[in-house]
Amino acid sequence: MYFDTHAHLDLPPLCDAEDDVVRRAREAGVTHIVTIGIDPESDERAVEIAHRHGGVYA
């Protein structure tokens, strides 16, 4: 079990393949991801991503 404590799933290039990035992380044994925003708009996108994926937190 791995916990990624600092990811930017809302920013390019990761946001362009969000589902694939989360899937590949799971396949690699990452069970939890904290996605970090860099400004208020990015924070909101991070929360939306967390709502779409179990084990992803903002």
C-alpha atoms as a PDB file:
ATOM      1  CA  MET A   1       0.000   0.000   0.000  1.00  0.00           C
ATOM      2  CA  TYR A   2       1.313   3.420  -0.988  1.00  0.00           C
ATOM      3  CA  PHE A   3      -0.096   6.866  -0.250  1.00  0.00           C
ATOM      4  CA  ASP A   4       0.811   9.652  -2.712  1.00  0.00           C
ATOM      5  CA  THR A   5       0.711  12.765  -0.549  1.00  0.00           C
ATOM      6  CA  HIS A   6       1.272  15.409  -3.220  1.00  0.00           C
ATOM      7  CA  ALA A   7      -0.178  15.106  -6.727  1.00  0.00           C
ATOM      8  CA  HIS A   8      -1.504  17.691  -9.169  1.00  0.00           C
ATOM      9  CA  LEU A   9      -4.161  15.661 -10.988  1.00  0.00           C
ATOM     10  CA  ASP A  10      -5.899  18.872 -12.084  1.00  0.00           C
ATOM     11  CA  LEU A  11      -2.944  20.213 -14.105  1.00  0.00           C
ATOM     12  CA  PRO A  12      -1.558  19.205 -17.526  1.00  0.00           C
ATOM     13  CA  PRO A  13      -0.472  16.677 -18.523  1.00  0.00           C
ATOM     14  CA  LEU A  14      -2.148  14.629 -15.760  1.00  0.00           C
ATOM     15  CA  CYS A  15      -5.573  16.255 -16.156  1.00  0.00           C
ATOM     16  CA  ASP A  16      -5.645  15.182 -19.795  1.00  0.00           C
ATOM     17  CA  ALA A  17      -5.571  11.527 -18.719  1.00  0.00           C
ATOM     18  CA  GLU A  18      -7.034  11.667 -15.208  1.00  0.00           C
ATOM     19  CA  ASP A  19      -8.787   8.280 -15.289  1.00  0.00           C
ATOM     20  CA  ASP A  20      -5.734   6.574 -16.777  1.00  0.00           C
ATOM     21  CA  VAL A  21      -3.395   8.191 -14.247  1.00  0.00           C
ATOM     22  CA  VAL A  22      -5.529   7.012 -11.320  1.00  0.00           C
ATOM     23  CA  ARG A  23      -5.863   3.523 -12.839  1.00  0.00           C
ATOM     24  CA  ARG A  24      -2.101   3.214 -13.360  1.00  0.00           C
ATOM     25  CA  ALA A  25      -1.455   4.417  -9.820  1.00  0.00           C
ATOM     26  CA  ARG A  26      -3.797   1.714  -8.498  1.00  0.00           C
ATOM     27  CA  GLU A  27      -2.054  -0.918 -10.615  1.00  0.00           C
ATOM     28  CA  ALA A  28       1.264   0.216  -9.111  1.00  0.00           C
ATOM     29  CA  GLY A  29      -0.088  -0.219  -5.576  1.00  0.00           C
ATOM     30  CA  VAL A  30      -0.983   3.396  -4.782  1.00  0.00           C
ATOM     31  CA  THR A  31      -4.161   3.134  -2.724  1.00  0.00           C
ATOM     32  CA  HIS A  32      -4.606   6.797  -1.751  1.00  0.00           C
ATOM     33  CA  ILE A  33      -3.765  10.059  -3.530  1.00  0.00           C
ATOM     34  CA  VAL A  34      -3.908  13.619  -2.229  1.00  0.00           C
ATOM     35  CA  THR A  35      -4.375  15.992  -5.160  1.00  0.00           C
ATOM     36  CA  ILE A  36      -3.212  19.522  -4.436  1.00  0.00           C
ATOM     37  CA  GLY A  37      -4.531  22.747  -5.934  1.00  0.00           C
ATOM     38  CA  ILE A  38      -2.378  25.786  -6.625  1.00  0.00           C
ATOM     39  CA  ASP A  39      -5.077  28.486  -6.561  1.00  0.00           C
ATOM     40  CA  PRO A  40      -8.816  28.694  -5.778  1.00  0.00           C
ATOM     41  CA  GLU A  41      -9.866  27.428  -9.225  1.00  0.00           C
ATOM     42  CA  SER A  42      -7.379  24.580  -9.076  1.00  0.00           C
ATOM     43  CA  ASP A  43      -8.573  23.747  -5.554  1.00  0.00           C
ATOM     44  CA  GLU A  44     -12.128  23.380  -6.874  1.00  0.00           C
ATOM     45  CA  ARG A  45     -10.969  21.085  -9.686  1.00  0.00           C
ATOM     46  CA  ALA A  46      -9.058  18.998  -7.134  1.00  0.00           C
ATOM     47  CA  VAL A  47     -12.229  18.577  -5.056  1.00  0.00           C
ATOM     48  CA  GLU A  48     -14.179  17.549  -8.171  1.00  0.00           C
ATOM     49  CA  ILE A  49     -11.513  14.965  -9.027  1.00  0.00           C
ATOM     50  CA  ALA A  50     -11.616  13.615  -5.471  1.00  0.00           C
ATOM     51  CA  HIS A  51     -15.385  13.177  -5.740  1.00  0.00           C
ATOM     52  CA  ARG A  52     -14.959  11.145  -8.936  1.00  0.00           C
ATOM     53  CA  HIS A  53     -12.351   8.727  -7.595  1.00  0.00           C
ATOM     54  CA  GLY A  54     -12.443   6.715  -4.406  1.00  0.00           C
ATOM     55  CA  GLY A  55      -9.210   6.991  -2.458  1.00  0.00           C
ATOM     56  CA  VAL A  56      -8.419  10.413  -3.950  1.00  0.00           C
ATOM     57  CA  TYR A  57      -8.541  13.342  -1.549  1.00  0.00           C
ATOM     58  CA  ALA A  58      -8.236  17.115  -1.979  1.00  0.00           C
END
